[in-house]
Structures are given as C-alpha cells and as structure tokens.
Amino acid sequence: MVHVVGREGFFRADFRRSPVFRPDGMISGVVICYELAWPMMVLQTHARNPDRILFTSNLWWAGDTRLQILFRLHADAWSRIFGVPCIVSINS
C-alpha cells in the first residue's frame, strides 16, 4: 500500500481499484516502478484523464547502473505523449 503526503495529510492509494486519486483537488495518476514499462498500465492510468502522473520507484538495489536514468527518460516520454506533467520519485 502506498501513502502519498498532501497538504491535508496522507492519501491512501488503493491500486486494486483505480490508478488515480485526488490529493490537493487535482486528479493524480500513479504508476509504480516496473509498471512504467508496461503500456497497458500507463494507458489504464491515462484513461482516467489525470491532471498529472506520479511515477514512483524503489531503485536502491540498482546501485550504479543506469536504471534511474532509464526510468526518468520513460517517465518524461509518457508525460510528453499524453501532454500531462509528471512527478518522478525514486528511492535510491
């Protein structure tokens, strides 16, 4: 389970239901880690017309590899394709 901090506190994102939630009154889509590489997961998120997409990942295990760069490039590409801003969060 993922908890996102907003101005009013924590927002629980239940990924078994909808890939979007509304912190701060904006519709935010969430894509977690390897879902970024699966087009259907990103398309499912975008189908809900989010105002922004949050891309989160835990890449601490990747060490000095280029996975963080690849993750950021993919997130930026999806953001440009759909015309919505993205927020990238990587735990390295």
C-alpha atoms as a PDB file:
ATOM      1  CA  MET A   1       0.000   0.000   0.000  1.00  0.00           C
ATOM      2  CA  VAL A   2       1.311   3.454  -0.890  1.00  0.00           C
ATOM      3  CA  HIS A   3       0.614   6.605   1.096  1.00  0.00           C
ATOM      4  CA  VAL A   4       1.167   9.970  -0.543  1.00  0.00           C
ATOM      5  CA  VAL A   5       1.561  13.116   1.552  1.00  0.00           C
ATOM      6  CA  GLY A   6      -0.515  16.135   0.587  1.00  0.00           C
ATOM      7  CA  ARG A   7      -1.382  19.393   2.313  1.00  0.00           C
ATOM      8  CA  GLU A   8      -4.211  17.748   4.223  1.00  0.00           C
ATOM      9  CA  GLY A   9      -2.165  14.734   5.302  1.00  0.00           C
ATOM     10  CA  PHE A  10      -1.812  11.249   3.855  1.00  0.00           C
ATOM     11  CA  PHE A  11      -3.827   9.939   0.920  1.00  0.00           C
ATOM     12  CA  ARG A  12      -4.252   6.213   0.583  1.00  0.00           C
ATOM     13  CA  ALA A  13      -3.893   4.919  -2.955  1.00  0.00           C
ATOM     14  CA  ASP A  14      -5.744   1.628  -3.456  1.00  0.00           C
ATOM     15  CA  PHE A  15      -4.283   0.152  -6.612  1.00  0.00           C
ATOM     16  CA  ARG A  16      -6.705  -2.763  -6.767  1.00  0.00           C
ATOM     17  CA  ARG A  17      -9.417  -0.339  -7.836  1.00  0.00           C
ATOM     18  CA  SER A  18      -8.474   2.874  -9.621  1.00  0.00           C
ATOM     19  CA  PRO A  19      -4.992   4.096 -10.558  1.00  0.00           C
ATOM     20  CA  VAL A  20      -5.947   7.704  -9.726  1.00  0.00           C
ATOM     21  CA  PHE A  21      -6.664   9.719  -6.588  1.00  0.00           C
ATOM     22  CA  ARG A  22      -7.234  13.399  -5.746  1.00  0.00           C
ATOM     23  CA  PRO A  23      -4.686  14.995  -3.438  1.00  0.00           C
ATOM     24  CA  ASP A  24      -4.961  18.786  -3.314  1.00  0.00           C
ATOM     25  CA  GLY A  25      -8.019  18.701  -5.608  1.00  0.00           C
ATOM     26  CA  MET A  26      -6.074  17.504  -8.673  1.00  0.00           C
ATOM     27  CA  ILE A  27      -6.580  14.134 -10.338  1.00  0.00           C
ATOM     28  CA  SER A  28      -3.285  12.280  -9.981  1.00  0.00           C
ATOM     29  CA  GLY A  29      -2.469   9.052 -11.760  1.00  0.00           C
ATOM     30  CA  VAL A  30       0.087   6.736 -10.184  1.00  0.00           C
ATOM     31  CA  VAL A  31       2.495   4.401 -11.967  1.00  0.00           C
ATOM     32  CA  ILE A  32       4.722   2.298  -9.728  1.00  0.00           C
ATOM     33  CA  CYS A  33       8.169   1.013 -10.649  1.00  0.00           C
ATOM     34  CA  TYR A  34       8.139  -1.552 -13.477  1.00  0.00           C
ATOM     35  CA  GLU A  35       4.564  -0.599 -14.492  1.00  0.00           C
ATOM     36  CA  LEU A  36       6.277   2.220 -16.366  1.00  0.00           C
ATOM     37  CA  ALA A  37       7.492  -0.305 -18.938  1.00  0.00           C
ATOM     38  CA  TRP A  38       4.044  -1.885 -19.417  1.00  0.00           C
ATOM     39  CA  PRO A  39       1.995   0.241 -21.828  1.00  0.00           C
ATOM     40  CA  MET A  40      -1.344  -1.147 -20.601  1.00  0.00           C
ATOM     41  CA  MET A  41      -0.670   0.029 -17.042  1.00  0.00           C
ATOM     42  CA  VAL A  42       0.148   3.556 -18.201  1.00  0.00           C
ATOM     43  CA  LEU A  43      -2.799   3.584 -20.629  1.00  0.00           C
ATOM     44  CA  GLN A  44      -5.148   2.469 -17.836  1.00  0.00           C
ATOM     45  CA  THR A  45      -3.916   5.366 -15.727  1.00  0.00           C
ATOM     46  CA  HIS A  46      -4.217   7.876 -18.562  1.00  0.00           C
ATOM     47  CA  ALA A  47      -7.742   6.669 -19.412  1.00  0.00           C
ATOM     48  CA  ARG A  48      -8.898   8.361 -16.178  1.00  0.00           C
ATOM     49  CA  ASN A  49      -7.745  11.779 -17.527  1.00  0.00           C
ATOM     50  CA  PRO A  50      -5.319  12.697 -14.749  1.00  0.00           C
ATOM     51  CA  ASP A  51      -4.044  16.252 -14.293  1.00  0.00           C
ATOM     52  CA  ARG A  52      -0.602  14.803 -13.543  1.00  0.00           C
ATOM     53  CA  ILE A  53       1.076  11.413 -13.293  1.00  0.00           C
ATOM     54  CA  LEU A  54       3.227  10.328 -10.373  1.00  0.00           C
ATOM     55  CA  PHE A  55       5.976   7.872 -11.285  1.00  0.00           C
ATOM     56  CA  THR A  56       7.455   6.186  -8.216  1.00  0.00           C
ATOM     57  CA  SER A  57      10.199   3.622  -7.926  1.00  0.00           C
ATOM     58  CA  ASN A  58      12.493   1.980  -5.422  1.00  0.00           C
ATOM     59  CA  LEU A  59      15.791   1.612  -7.249  1.00  0.00           C
ATOM     60  CA  TRP A  60      18.180   1.486  -4.291  1.00  0.00           C
ATOM     61  CA  TRP A  61      19.101  -2.060  -5.302  1.00  0.00           C
ATOM     62  CA  ALA A  62      20.191  -0.913  -8.766  1.00  0.00           C
ATOM     63  CA  GLY A  63      23.340   0.716  -7.399  1.00  0.00           C
ATOM     64  CA  ASP A  64      25.420   2.489 -10.020  1.00  0.00           C
ATOM     65  CA  THR A  65      23.510   1.141 -13.013  1.00  0.00           C
ATOM     66  CA  ARG A  66      21.681   3.320 -15.497  1.00  0.00           C
ATOM     67  CA  LEU A  67      18.208   2.208 -14.418  1.00  0.00           C
ATOM     68  CA  GLN A  68      17.441   5.549 -12.760  1.00  0.00           C
ATOM     69  CA  ILE A  69      18.253   7.386 -15.978  1.00  0.00           C
ATOM     70  CA  LEU A  70      16.124   4.956 -17.986  1.00  0.00           C
ATOM     71  CA  PHE A  71      13.243   5.340 -15.510  1.00  0.00           C
ATOM     72  CA  ARG A  72      13.346   9.146 -15.790  1.00  0.00           C
ATOM     73  CA  LEU A  73      13.521   9.003 -19.605  1.00  0.00           C
ATOM     74  CA  HIS A  74      10.475   6.720 -19.776  1.00  0.00           C
ATOM     75  CA  ALA A  75       8.517   8.907 -17.354  1.00  0.00           C
ATOM     76  CA  ASP A  76       9.344  12.006 -19.396  1.00  0.00           C
ATOM     77  CA  ALA A  77       8.331  10.244 -22.629  1.00  0.00           C
ATOM     78  CA  TRP A  78       4.927   9.187 -21.231  1.00  0.00           C
ATOM     79  CA  SER A  79       4.398  12.711 -19.939  1.00  0.00           C
ATOM     80  CA  ARG A  80       5.088  14.202 -23.369  1.00  0.00           C
ATOM     81  CA  ILE A  81       2.949  11.606 -25.174  1.00  0.00           C
ATOM     82  CA  PHE A  82      -0.112  12.379 -23.036  1.00  0.00           C
ATOM     83  CA  GLY A  83       0.568  16.079 -22.550  1.00  0.00           C
ATOM     84  CA  VAL A  84       0.365  15.981 -18.757  1.00  0.00           C
ATOM     85  CA  PRO A  85       3.043  16.950 -16.254  1.00  0.00           C
ATOM     86  CA  CYS A  86       4.809  14.201 -14.357  1.00  0.00           C
ATOM     87  CA  ILE A  87       6.355  13.950 -10.922  1.00  0.00           C
ATOM     88  CA  VAL A  88       9.169  11.429 -10.563  1.00  0.00           C
ATOM     89  CA  SER A  89      10.104   9.988  -7.181  1.00  0.00           C
ATOM     90  CA  ILE A  90      12.960   7.498  -6.917  1.00  0.00           C
ATOM     91  CA  ASN A  91      14.185   5.972  -3.686  1.00  0.00           C
ATOM     92  CA  SER A  92      17.838   5.469  -4.441  1.00  0.00           C
END
